[in-house]
C-alpha cells in the first residue's frame, strides 16, 4: 500500500491543517515500556514503503525509521515505564506517552490524528481517532514505525540482561517461549505486575 492511498483519507483536514500523527507500540506486551511517537509529515517524507509497522520486517522498519527522522518536518518519541503502567493502567500510559511525544514537537500541529479509538484531549489542539489509522495515513504510519523501532531497540537491550525470556524474538509479547520462561524463572522487574502473567 503506497502513500497515495494514505494521503486520500481525511483530505478535508490534511489540506487545511498542519497535522501530527500519533501511534504507540507495546500496549499488549507482558513486559517493557510502552513507546509512542508523533510525526508531522513533509513533502520529503513521501515513500511508497511507509506502512503500518506490523506489516514490515525489522530491517525495513530500521531503514524507514532513519528515513522518517531525516525527512519529517518534525517528530517526537516518548517512553513510559512499567511503574507508570502498573500505577495508571496501560490505556492511560499509552495516551500519556503520545502526549509526551507531542510535547517534544517544535512545530505545533493544528490537528492530531491518532491510531485507534481512544485518546484524551491534548491542550488547545483538536484530535481525530482513526481505527487502523496506521494502515491509512502517512503521519500515523510513520509514527507507528518510529515507536515500534524504538521499543524493539529497548527490548533487545533488555534481552542482553534477561536472555531466558526470548525478548529478542517476542519483544515482550506473550509467546509460548516467553510464558514458559515465566513459569520457570518468574517475572523480572520489567514485567507488568497488573498484567496476567502465566507462571
N, C-alpha and C. Protein backbone atom coordinates (compact mmCIF):
# COMPACT_ATOMS: atom_id res chain seq x y z
N UNK A 1 0.85 -1.20 0.00
CA UNK A 1 0.00 0.00 0.00
C UNK A 1 0.88 1.24 0.00
N UNK A 2 0.74 2.08 -0.96
CA UNK A 2 1.59 3.25 -1.08
C UNK A 2 0.98 4.46 -0.41
N UNK A 3 1.74 5.53 -0.38
CA UNK A 3 1.28 6.76 0.25
C UNK A 3 0.08 7.36 -0.44
N UNK A 4 -0.08 7.11 -1.75
CA UNK A 4 -1.19 7.71 -2.48
C UNK A 4 -2.51 7.34 -1.85
N UNK A 5 -2.62 6.09 -1.37
CA UNK A 5 -3.84 5.67 -0.69
C UNK A 5 -3.97 6.37 0.65
N UNK A 6 -2.87 6.43 1.40
CA UNK A 6 -2.92 7.05 2.72
C UNK A 6 -3.31 8.52 2.61
N UNK A 7 -2.79 9.21 1.64
CA UNK A 7 -3.00 10.64 1.55
C UNK A 7 -4.39 11.02 1.06
N UNK A 8 -5.16 10.06 0.56
CA UNK A 8 -6.51 10.35 0.10
C UNK A 8 -7.47 10.56 1.27
N UNK A 9 -7.19 9.93 2.40
CA UNK A 9 -8.12 9.99 3.51
C UNK A 9 -7.97 11.29 4.29
N UNK A 10 -9.06 11.71 4.90
CA UNK A 10 -9.12 12.94 5.69
C UNK A 10 -8.55 14.15 4.95
N UNK A 11 -8.78 14.19 3.65
CA UNK A 11 -8.24 15.31 2.88
C UNK A 11 -8.85 16.63 3.34
N UNK A 12 -10.04 16.58 3.88
CA UNK A 12 -10.66 17.82 4.37
C UNK A 12 -9.88 18.39 5.55
N UNK A 13 -9.13 17.53 6.24
CA UNK A 13 -8.25 18.01 7.29
C UNK A 13 -6.86 18.30 6.75
N UNK A 14 -6.29 17.36 5.99
CA UNK A 14 -4.87 17.43 5.68
C UNK A 14 -4.49 18.63 4.83
N UNK A 15 -5.39 19.12 4.00
CA UNK A 15 -5.01 20.28 3.20
C UNK A 15 -5.34 21.60 3.88
N UNK A 16 -6.01 21.54 5.03
CA UNK A 16 -6.35 22.75 5.77
C UNK A 16 -5.50 22.95 7.02
N UNK A 17 -5.04 21.86 7.60
CA UNK A 17 -4.37 21.92 8.89
C UNK A 17 -3.00 21.24 8.85
N UNK A 18 -2.09 21.75 9.67
CA UNK A 18 -0.80 21.09 9.88
C UNK A 18 -1.04 19.93 10.83
N UNK A 19 -0.80 18.74 10.35
CA UNK A 19 -1.26 17.52 11.01
C UNK A 19 -0.12 16.73 11.63
N UNK A 20 -0.34 16.25 12.87
CA UNK A 20 0.59 15.33 13.52
C UNK A 20 -0.11 13.99 13.71
N UNK A 21 0.54 12.92 13.29
CA UNK A 21 0.00 11.58 13.50
C UNK A 21 0.66 10.94 14.71
N UNK A 22 -0.13 10.20 15.50
CA UNK A 22 0.38 9.55 16.72
C UNK A 22 0.06 8.07 16.71
N UNK A 23 0.99 7.28 17.24
CA UNK A 23 0.76 5.86 17.45
C UNK A 23 1.67 5.38 18.57
N UNK A 24 1.34 4.20 19.11
CA UNK A 24 2.13 3.63 20.20
C UNK A 24 2.55 2.20 19.85
N UNK A 25 3.51 1.68 20.61
CA UNK A 25 3.96 0.31 20.46
C UNK A 25 4.14 -0.30 21.85
N UNK A 26 3.73 -1.55 21.99
CA UNK A 26 3.95 -2.27 23.24
C UNK A 26 2.78 -2.32 24.18
N UNK A 27 1.64 -1.86 23.74
CA UNK A 27 0.48 -1.84 24.64
C UNK A 27 0.07 -3.25 25.08
N UNK A 28 0.18 -4.23 24.19
CA UNK A 28 -0.27 -5.58 24.52
C UNK A 28 0.80 -6.51 25.05
N UNK A 29 1.97 -5.97 25.38
CA UNK A 29 3.08 -6.81 25.85
C UNK A 29 2.94 -7.13 27.34
N UNK A 30 3.62 -8.17 27.77
CA UNK A 30 3.65 -8.53 29.18
C UNK A 30 4.70 -7.76 29.96
N UNK A 31 5.65 -7.17 29.24
CA UNK A 31 6.76 -6.51 29.92
C UNK A 31 7.28 -5.36 29.07
N UNK A 32 8.15 -4.58 29.69
CA UNK A 32 8.77 -3.48 28.98
C UNK A 32 7.89 -2.25 28.93
N UNK A 33 8.44 -1.14 28.46
CA UNK A 33 7.70 0.11 28.42
C UNK A 33 6.71 0.16 27.27
N UNK A 34 5.84 1.14 27.31
CA UNK A 34 5.04 1.49 26.13
C UNK A 34 5.70 2.72 25.52
N UNK A 35 5.82 2.72 24.20
CA UNK A 35 6.51 3.79 23.49
C UNK A 35 5.55 4.42 22.49
N UNK A 36 5.57 5.73 22.38
CA UNK A 36 4.72 6.43 21.42
C UNK A 36 5.55 7.39 20.60
N UNK A 37 5.04 7.69 19.42
CA UNK A 37 5.69 8.67 18.55
C UNK A 37 4.64 9.59 17.95
N UNK A 38 5.08 10.79 17.63
CA UNK A 38 4.26 11.77 16.91
C UNK A 38 5.08 12.27 15.73
N UNK A 39 4.45 12.35 14.56
CA UNK A 39 5.16 12.76 13.35
C UNK A 39 4.36 13.81 12.60
N UNK A 40 5.04 14.90 12.25
CA UNK A 40 4.49 15.90 11.33
C UNK A 40 5.16 15.65 9.99
N UNK A 41 4.37 15.32 8.98
CA UNK A 41 4.94 14.92 7.70
C UNK A 41 5.36 16.14 6.88
N UNK A 42 6.19 15.87 5.88
CA UNK A 42 6.61 16.90 4.92
C UNK A 42 6.58 16.28 3.53
N UNK A 43 6.72 17.10 2.51
CA UNK A 43 6.75 16.56 1.15
C UNK A 43 7.92 15.60 0.96
N UNK A 44 9.02 15.85 1.66
CA UNK A 44 10.20 15.00 1.52
C UNK A 44 9.99 13.61 2.13
N UNK A 45 8.93 13.46 2.94
CA UNK A 45 8.70 12.18 3.62
C UNK A 45 8.06 11.13 2.72
N UNK A 46 7.57 11.53 1.57
CA UNK A 46 6.84 10.59 0.72
C UNK A 46 7.72 9.41 0.35
N UNK A 47 7.22 8.22 0.67
CA UNK A 47 7.96 6.98 0.44
C UNK A 47 6.94 5.86 0.31
N UNK A 48 6.94 5.15 -0.79
CA UNK A 48 5.91 4.15 -1.03
C UNK A 48 6.00 2.97 -0.08
N UNK A 49 7.10 2.83 0.65
CA UNK A 49 7.27 1.69 1.54
C UNK A 49 6.78 1.97 2.95
N UNK A 50 6.48 3.22 3.27
CA UNK A 50 5.98 3.53 4.61
C UNK A 50 4.57 2.97 4.76
N UNK A 51 4.39 2.16 5.81
CA UNK A 51 3.12 1.50 6.05
C UNK A 51 3.03 1.15 7.53
N UNK A 52 1.93 0.56 7.92
CA UNK A 52 1.74 0.05 9.28
C UNK A 52 2.97 -0.77 9.67
N UNK A 53 3.58 -0.45 10.81
CA UNK A 53 4.82 -1.12 11.22
C UNK A 53 4.66 -2.62 11.37
N UNK A 54 3.45 -3.08 11.69
CA UNK A 54 3.23 -4.53 11.87
C UNK A 54 3.37 -5.28 10.54
N UNK A 55 3.31 -4.57 9.43
CA UNK A 55 3.42 -5.21 8.12
C UNK A 55 4.84 -5.16 7.56
N UNK A 56 5.78 -4.66 8.37
CA UNK A 56 7.16 -4.50 7.92
C UNK A 56 8.09 -5.36 8.76
N UNK A 57 9.12 -5.90 8.14
CA UNK A 57 10.10 -6.66 8.92
C UNK A 57 11.08 -5.69 9.60
N UNK A 58 11.93 -6.25 10.45
CA UNK A 58 12.82 -5.43 11.29
C UNK A 58 13.73 -4.55 10.44
N UNK A 59 14.32 -5.12 9.40
CA UNK A 59 15.27 -4.37 8.58
C UNK A 59 14.59 -3.21 7.86
N UNK A 60 13.39 -3.44 7.32
CA UNK A 60 12.67 -2.37 6.63
C UNK A 60 12.28 -1.27 7.62
N UNK A 61 11.83 -1.67 8.81
CA UNK A 61 11.47 -0.68 9.83
C UNK A 61 12.68 0.16 10.22
N UNK A 62 13.82 -0.50 10.36
CA UNK A 62 15.04 0.20 10.75
C UNK A 62 15.43 1.24 9.71
N UNK A 63 15.39 0.84 8.44
CA UNK A 63 15.74 1.77 7.35
C UNK A 63 14.73 2.91 7.26
N UNK A 64 13.44 2.57 7.38
CA UNK A 64 12.41 3.60 7.28
C UNK A 64 12.42 4.55 8.48
N UNK A 65 12.78 4.02 9.65
CA UNK A 65 12.86 4.86 10.83
C UNK A 65 13.91 5.96 10.63
N UNK A 66 15.05 5.60 10.09
CA UNK A 66 16.09 6.59 9.80
C UNK A 66 15.61 7.58 8.75
N UNK A 67 14.92 7.08 7.73
CA UNK A 67 14.41 7.95 6.66
C UNK A 67 13.39 8.94 7.22
N UNK A 68 12.50 8.47 8.08
CA UNK A 68 11.47 9.34 8.67
C UNK A 68 12.10 10.43 9.53
N UNK A 69 13.06 10.05 10.35
CA UNK A 69 13.70 11.03 11.23
C UNK A 69 14.46 12.09 10.44
N UNK A 70 14.99 11.70 9.29
CA UNK A 70 15.73 12.65 8.46
C UNK A 70 14.81 13.55 7.63
N UNK A 71 13.60 13.07 7.30
CA UNK A 71 12.78 13.78 6.33
C UNK A 71 11.46 14.33 6.85
N UNK A 72 11.05 13.94 8.05
CA UNK A 72 9.82 14.50 8.61
C UNK A 72 10.01 15.98 8.91
N UNK A 73 8.93 16.75 8.87
CA UNK A 73 9.00 18.14 9.30
C UNK A 73 9.36 18.21 10.77
N UNK A 74 8.82 17.26 11.55
CA UNK A 74 9.12 17.20 12.98
C UNK A 74 8.66 15.84 13.51
N UNK A 75 9.27 15.39 14.60
CA UNK A 75 8.83 14.15 15.23
C UNK A 75 9.24 14.15 16.70
N UNK A 76 8.55 13.33 17.48
CA UNK A 76 8.90 13.11 18.88
C UNK A 76 8.67 11.66 19.24
N UNK A 77 9.49 11.13 20.13
CA UNK A 77 9.36 9.75 20.60
C UNK A 77 9.42 9.78 22.12
N UNK A 78 8.49 9.10 22.78
CA UNK A 78 8.45 9.11 24.25
C UNK A 78 8.22 7.70 24.79
N UNK A 79 8.77 7.46 25.96
CA UNK A 79 8.70 6.15 26.62
C UNK A 79 8.06 6.31 28.00
N UNK A 80 7.15 5.40 28.32
CA UNK A 80 6.54 5.36 29.65
C UNK A 80 6.83 4.01 30.27
N UNK A 81 7.38 4.01 31.48
CA UNK A 81 7.91 2.78 32.06
C UNK A 81 6.84 1.92 32.73
N UNK A 82 7.30 0.76 33.19
CA UNK A 82 6.41 -0.25 33.76
C UNK A 82 5.72 0.26 35.02
N UNK A 83 6.42 1.00 35.85
CA UNK A 83 5.82 1.51 37.09
C UNK A 83 4.62 2.40 36.78
N UNK A 84 4.75 3.25 35.78
CA UNK A 84 3.64 4.12 35.39
C UNK A 84 2.48 3.27 34.86
N UNK A 85 2.79 2.26 34.06
CA UNK A 85 1.76 1.37 33.51
C UNK A 85 0.99 0.69 34.64
N UNK A 86 1.72 0.16 35.62
CA UNK A 86 1.06 -0.54 36.72
C UNK A 86 0.27 0.40 37.62
N UNK A 87 0.71 1.62 37.72
CA UNK A 87 0.02 2.59 38.58
C UNK A 87 -1.23 3.15 37.92
N UNK A 88 -1.19 3.38 36.61
CA UNK A 88 -2.27 4.11 35.95
C UNK A 88 -3.10 3.29 34.97
N UNK A 89 -2.67 2.15 34.56
CA UNK A 89 -3.24 1.24 33.56
C UNK A 89 -2.64 1.52 32.18
N UNK A 90 -2.68 0.52 31.34
CA UNK A 90 -1.95 0.57 30.07
C UNK A 90 -2.58 1.57 29.09
N UNK A 91 -3.90 1.73 29.11
CA UNK A 91 -4.53 2.68 28.19
C UNK A 91 -4.06 4.10 28.49
N UNK A 92 -4.13 4.50 29.76
CA UNK A 92 -3.70 5.85 30.10
C UNK A 92 -2.20 6.01 29.86
N UNK A 93 -1.41 4.95 30.12
CA UNK A 93 0.03 5.02 29.88
C UNK A 93 0.32 5.25 28.41
N UNK A 94 -0.42 4.57 27.52
CA UNK A 94 -0.22 4.75 26.08
C UNK A 94 -0.59 6.17 25.64
N UNK A 95 -1.72 6.67 26.16
CA UNK A 95 -2.14 8.04 25.82
C UNK A 95 -1.14 9.06 26.38
N UNK A 96 -0.69 8.81 27.61
CA UNK A 96 0.30 9.71 28.22
C UNK A 96 1.58 9.74 27.39
N UNK A 97 2.01 8.58 26.90
CA UNK A 97 3.21 8.52 26.05
C UNK A 97 3.01 9.34 24.78
N UNK A 98 1.81 9.27 24.19
CA UNK A 98 1.55 10.07 22.99
C UNK A 98 1.58 11.56 23.31
N UNK A 99 1.03 11.95 24.46
CA UNK A 99 1.10 13.35 24.87
C UNK A 99 2.55 13.80 25.04
N UNK A 100 3.37 12.93 25.64
CA UNK A 100 4.78 13.27 25.84
C UNK A 100 5.51 13.40 24.51
N UNK A 101 5.16 12.54 23.54
CA UNK A 101 5.75 12.64 22.21
C UNK A 101 5.34 13.95 21.54
N UNK A 102 4.08 14.33 21.69
CA UNK A 102 3.61 15.61 21.14
C UNK A 102 4.32 16.79 21.80
N UNK A 103 4.60 16.66 23.10
CA UNK A 103 5.31 17.74 23.81
C UNK A 103 6.68 18.02 23.20
N UNK A 104 7.27 17.02 22.57
CA UNK A 104 8.62 17.17 22.01
C UNK A 104 8.63 17.94 20.69
N UNK A 105 7.48 18.07 20.05
CA UNK A 105 7.44 18.73 18.75
C UNK A 105 7.78 20.21 18.88
N UNK A 106 8.64 20.68 18.01
CA UNK A 106 8.93 22.11 17.97
C UNK A 106 7.98 22.83 17.01
N UNK A 107 7.39 22.05 16.10
CA UNK A 107 6.35 22.56 15.20
C UNK A 107 5.01 22.24 15.83
N UNK A 108 4.21 23.23 16.13
CA UNK A 108 2.93 22.98 16.79
C UNK A 108 1.89 22.57 15.75
N UNK A 109 1.33 21.36 15.87
CA UNK A 109 0.31 20.93 14.90
C UNK A 109 -1.02 21.63 15.15
N UNK A 110 -1.80 21.69 14.09
CA UNK A 110 -3.15 22.25 14.20
C UNK A 110 -4.20 21.17 14.33
N UNK A 111 -3.80 19.94 14.06
CA UNK A 111 -4.68 18.78 14.18
C UNK A 111 -3.84 17.57 14.56
N UNK A 112 -4.36 16.75 15.47
CA UNK A 112 -3.72 15.48 15.86
C UNK A 112 -4.60 14.34 15.39
N UNK A 113 -4.03 13.40 14.65
CA UNK A 113 -4.77 12.19 14.30
C UNK A 113 -4.09 11.01 14.98
N UNK A 114 -4.91 10.15 15.58
CA UNK A 114 -4.43 9.11 16.48
C UNK A 114 -4.91 7.75 16.02
N UNK A 115 -4.01 6.77 16.02
CA UNK A 115 -4.41 5.41 15.69
C UNK A 115 -5.27 4.84 16.83
N UNK A 116 -6.38 4.21 16.48
CA UNK A 116 -7.25 3.61 17.49
C UNK A 116 -8.50 4.42 17.73
N UNK A 117 -9.18 4.11 18.86
CA UNK A 117 -10.46 4.78 19.13
C UNK A 117 -10.51 5.48 20.49
N UNK A 118 -9.35 5.60 21.16
CA UNK A 118 -9.34 6.26 22.46
C UNK A 118 -8.18 7.25 22.55
N UNK A 119 -8.48 8.43 23.06
CA UNK A 119 -7.46 9.45 23.26
C UNK A 119 -8.02 10.46 24.24
N UNK A 120 -7.16 11.14 24.94
CA UNK A 120 -7.57 12.24 25.80
C UNK A 120 -7.11 13.55 25.16
N UNK A 121 -7.92 14.59 25.23
CA UNK A 121 -7.59 15.84 24.54
C UNK A 121 -6.20 16.35 24.91
N UNK A 122 -5.49 16.80 23.88
CA UNK A 122 -4.20 17.45 24.06
C UNK A 122 -4.47 18.96 24.07
N UNK A 123 -3.81 19.69 24.96
CA UNK A 123 -4.17 21.11 25.15
C UNK A 123 -4.20 21.93 23.85
N UNK A 124 -5.34 22.50 23.60
CA UNK A 124 -5.54 23.51 22.55
C UNK A 124 -5.37 22.99 21.12
N UNK A 125 -5.33 21.66 20.93
CA UNK A 125 -5.21 21.10 19.58
C UNK A 125 -6.31 20.05 19.40
N UNK A 126 -7.19 20.20 18.42
CA UNK A 126 -8.23 19.19 18.20
C UNK A 126 -7.61 17.87 17.73
N UNK A 127 -8.33 16.78 17.96
CA UNK A 127 -7.82 15.48 17.55
C UNK A 127 -8.92 14.66 16.90
N UNK A 128 -8.48 13.67 16.15
CA UNK A 128 -9.38 12.72 15.50
C UNK A 128 -8.80 11.32 15.69
N UNK A 129 -9.62 10.40 16.22
CA UNK A 129 -9.20 9.00 16.35
C UNK A 129 -9.59 8.23 15.10
N UNK A 130 -8.70 7.39 14.61
CA UNK A 130 -8.96 6.60 13.40
C UNK A 130 -8.58 5.15 13.66
N UNK A 131 -9.56 4.26 13.63
CA UNK A 131 -9.29 2.84 13.78
C UNK A 131 -8.48 2.36 12.57
N UNK A 132 -7.41 1.63 12.86
CA UNK A 132 -6.47 1.15 11.84
C UNK A 132 -5.86 2.30 11.05
N UNK A 133 -5.69 3.42 11.72
CA UNK A 133 -5.11 4.59 11.07
C UNK A 133 -3.69 4.38 10.61
N UNK A 134 -2.98 3.42 11.26
CA UNK A 134 -1.58 3.18 10.87
C UNK A 134 -1.48 2.54 9.50
N UNK A 135 -2.57 2.04 8.97
CA UNK A 135 -2.58 1.49 7.62
C UNK A 135 -3.25 2.43 6.62
N UNK A 136 -3.61 3.64 7.08
CA UNK A 136 -4.36 4.56 6.22
C UNK A 136 -3.68 5.91 6.03
N UNK A 137 -2.96 6.38 7.03
CA UNK A 137 -2.41 7.74 6.99
C UNK A 137 -0.90 7.73 7.09
N UNK A 138 -0.28 8.54 6.27
CA UNK A 138 1.18 8.61 6.25
C UNK A 138 1.74 9.04 7.60
N UNK A 139 1.14 10.02 8.25
CA UNK A 139 1.67 10.52 9.52
C UNK A 139 1.57 9.46 10.61
N UNK A 140 0.44 8.75 10.67
CA UNK A 140 0.29 7.72 11.70
C UNK A 140 1.18 6.53 11.40
N UNK A 141 1.27 6.13 10.13
CA UNK A 141 2.15 5.01 9.76
C UNK A 141 3.59 5.34 10.12
N UNK A 142 4.01 6.57 9.89
CA UNK A 142 5.37 6.98 10.24
C UNK A 142 5.59 6.92 11.75
N UNK A 143 4.60 7.39 12.52
CA UNK A 143 4.68 7.32 13.98
C UNK A 143 4.74 5.87 14.45
N UNK A 144 3.96 5.01 13.79
CA UNK A 144 3.96 3.59 14.13
C UNK A 144 5.34 2.98 13.96
N UNK A 145 6.02 3.33 12.88
CA UNK A 145 7.36 2.80 12.62
C UNK A 145 8.36 3.30 13.66
N UNK A 146 8.32 4.61 13.95
CA UNK A 146 9.26 5.16 14.94
C UNK A 146 9.05 4.53 16.31
N UNK A 147 7.79 4.40 16.73
CA UNK A 147 7.50 3.83 18.05
C UNK A 147 7.93 2.38 18.14
N UNK A 148 7.58 1.60 17.12
CA UNK A 148 7.92 0.18 17.11
C UNK A 148 9.43 -0.02 17.08
N UNK A 149 10.12 0.72 16.25
CA UNK A 149 11.57 0.58 16.13
C UNK A 149 12.28 0.96 17.43
N UNK A 150 11.82 2.04 18.06
CA UNK A 150 12.42 2.49 19.31
C UNK A 150 12.18 1.46 20.42
N UNK A 151 10.97 0.93 20.48
CA UNK A 151 10.69 -0.05 21.53
C UNK A 151 11.45 -1.35 21.31
N UNK A 152 11.55 -1.79 20.06
CA UNK A 152 12.31 -3.01 19.77
C UNK A 152 13.76 -2.86 20.22
N UNK A 153 14.33 -1.68 20.01
CA UNK A 153 15.71 -1.45 20.43
C UNK A 153 15.85 -1.57 21.95
N UNK A 154 14.86 -1.07 22.68
CA UNK A 154 14.86 -1.20 24.14
C UNK A 154 14.79 -2.67 24.55
N UNK A 155 13.89 -3.43 23.90
CA UNK A 155 13.72 -4.83 24.26
C UNK A 155 14.96 -5.66 23.92
N UNK A 156 15.65 -5.29 22.86
CA UNK A 156 16.89 -6.00 22.51
C UNK A 156 17.97 -5.74 23.56
N UNK A 157 18.01 -4.54 24.11
CA UNK A 157 18.94 -4.26 25.19
C UNK A 157 18.58 -5.04 26.46
N UNK A 158 17.28 -5.09 26.78
CA UNK A 158 16.85 -5.83 27.96
C UNK A 158 17.09 -7.33 27.79
N UNK A 159 17.02 -7.81 26.56
CA UNK A 159 17.29 -9.23 26.28
C UNK A 159 18.70 -9.61 26.71
N UNK A 160 19.66 -8.70 26.57
CA UNK A 160 21.03 -9.00 26.97
C UNK A 160 21.12 -9.28 28.47
N UNK A 161 20.25 -8.65 29.23
CA UNK A 161 20.22 -8.84 30.69
C UNK A 161 19.40 -10.05 31.09
N UNK A 162 18.33 -10.34 30.32
CA UNK A 162 17.42 -11.45 30.63
C UNK A 162 17.19 -12.29 29.38
N UNK A 163 18.20 -13.04 28.93
CA UNK A 163 18.06 -13.79 27.67
C UNK A 163 17.08 -14.95 27.73
N UNK A 164 16.73 -15.39 28.93
CA UNK A 164 15.86 -16.56 29.07
C UNK A 164 14.47 -16.34 28.48
N UNK A 165 14.03 -15.12 28.39
CA UNK A 165 12.64 -14.83 28.01
C UNK A 165 12.44 -14.65 26.50
N UNK A 166 13.52 -14.66 25.76
CA UNK A 166 13.40 -14.56 24.30
C UNK A 166 12.91 -13.22 23.80
N UNK A 167 13.23 -12.15 24.51
CA UNK A 167 12.72 -10.83 24.12
C UNK A 167 13.31 -10.35 22.80
N UNK A 168 14.42 -10.94 22.37
CA UNK A 168 14.99 -10.58 21.07
C UNK A 168 14.13 -11.08 19.92
N UNK A 169 13.22 -12.01 20.21
CA UNK A 169 12.30 -12.54 19.20
C UNK A 169 10.86 -12.08 19.46
N UNK A 170 10.40 -12.19 20.73
CA UNK A 170 8.99 -11.88 21.00
C UNK A 170 8.75 -10.43 21.44
N UNK A 171 9.81 -9.69 21.71
CA UNK A 171 9.72 -8.27 22.08
C UNK A 171 8.79 -8.02 23.28
N UNK A 172 8.61 -9.05 24.10
CA UNK A 172 7.80 -8.90 25.30
C UNK A 172 6.38 -9.40 25.18
N UNK A 173 5.98 -9.85 24.00
CA UNK A 173 4.63 -10.38 23.82
C UNK A 173 4.52 -11.78 24.42
N UNK A 174 3.30 -12.22 24.64
CA UNK A 174 3.04 -13.46 25.37
C UNK A 174 3.17 -14.70 24.48
N UNK A 175 4.35 -14.94 23.94
CA UNK A 175 4.59 -16.14 23.14
C UNK A 175 4.76 -17.34 24.06
N UNK A 176 4.78 -18.51 23.48
CA UNK A 176 4.96 -19.74 24.25
C UNK A 176 6.29 -19.72 24.98
N UNK A 177 7.35 -19.30 24.29
CA UNK A 177 8.68 -19.25 24.91
C UNK A 177 8.68 -18.29 26.10
N UNK A 178 8.06 -17.16 25.92
CA UNK A 178 8.01 -16.16 27.00
C UNK A 178 7.24 -16.71 28.20
N UNK A 179 6.10 -17.32 27.97
CA UNK A 179 5.29 -17.83 29.07
C UNK A 179 5.95 -19.02 29.76
N UNK A 180 6.65 -19.85 29.00
CA UNK A 180 7.39 -20.96 29.62
C UNK A 180 8.52 -20.44 30.50
N UNK A 181 9.20 -19.38 30.06
CA UNK A 181 10.25 -18.78 30.86
C UNK A 181 9.68 -18.16 32.13
N UNK A 182 8.50 -17.57 32.05
CA UNK A 182 7.85 -17.01 33.24
C UNK A 182 7.56 -18.10 34.26
N UNK A 183 7.09 -19.24 33.78
CA UNK A 183 6.80 -20.34 34.69
C UNK A 183 8.08 -20.88 35.34
N UNK A 184 9.16 -20.87 34.59
CA UNK A 184 10.41 -21.43 35.09
C UNK A 184 11.18 -20.45 35.96
N UNK A 185 11.24 -19.18 35.56
CA UNK A 185 12.09 -18.20 36.24
C UNK A 185 11.31 -17.13 37.01
N UNK A 186 10.00 -17.03 36.77
CA UNK A 186 9.22 -15.98 37.40
C UNK A 186 9.39 -14.65 36.69
N UNK A 187 8.69 -13.61 37.15
CA UNK A 187 8.75 -12.31 36.48
C UNK A 187 10.03 -11.55 36.82
N UNK A 188 10.42 -10.66 35.92
CA UNK A 188 11.54 -9.76 36.13
C UNK A 188 11.01 -8.40 36.59
N UNK A 189 11.88 -7.49 36.99
CA UNK A 189 11.41 -6.13 37.33
C UNK A 189 10.77 -5.41 36.14
N UNK A 190 10.97 -5.92 34.93
CA UNK A 190 10.43 -5.26 33.75
C UNK A 190 9.04 -5.80 33.37
N UNK A 191 8.56 -6.82 34.07
CA UNK A 191 7.22 -7.34 33.80
C UNK A 191 6.17 -6.46 34.46
N UNK A 192 5.03 -6.35 33.80
CA UNK A 192 3.93 -5.53 34.28
C UNK A 192 3.12 -6.32 35.30
N UNK A 193 3.16 -5.90 36.53
CA UNK A 193 2.52 -6.65 37.62
C UNK A 193 1.00 -6.69 37.49
N UNK A 194 0.42 -5.71 36.83
CA UNK A 194 -1.03 -5.65 36.70
C UNK A 194 -1.53 -6.48 35.51
N UNK A 195 -0.60 -7.05 34.72
CA UNK A 195 -1.00 -7.93 33.61
C UNK A 195 -1.07 -9.36 34.12
N UNK A 196 -1.88 -10.18 33.46
CA UNK A 196 -1.98 -11.60 33.84
C UNK A 196 -0.75 -12.32 33.30
N UNK A 197 0.15 -12.67 34.19
CA UNK A 197 1.37 -13.37 33.81
C UNK A 197 1.19 -14.87 34.03
N UNK A 198 1.42 -15.64 33.00
CA UNK A 198 1.21 -17.09 33.09
C UNK A 198 2.45 -17.78 33.64
N UNK A 199 2.49 -17.97 34.97
CA UNK A 199 3.59 -18.71 35.57
C UNK A 199 3.12 -19.34 36.87
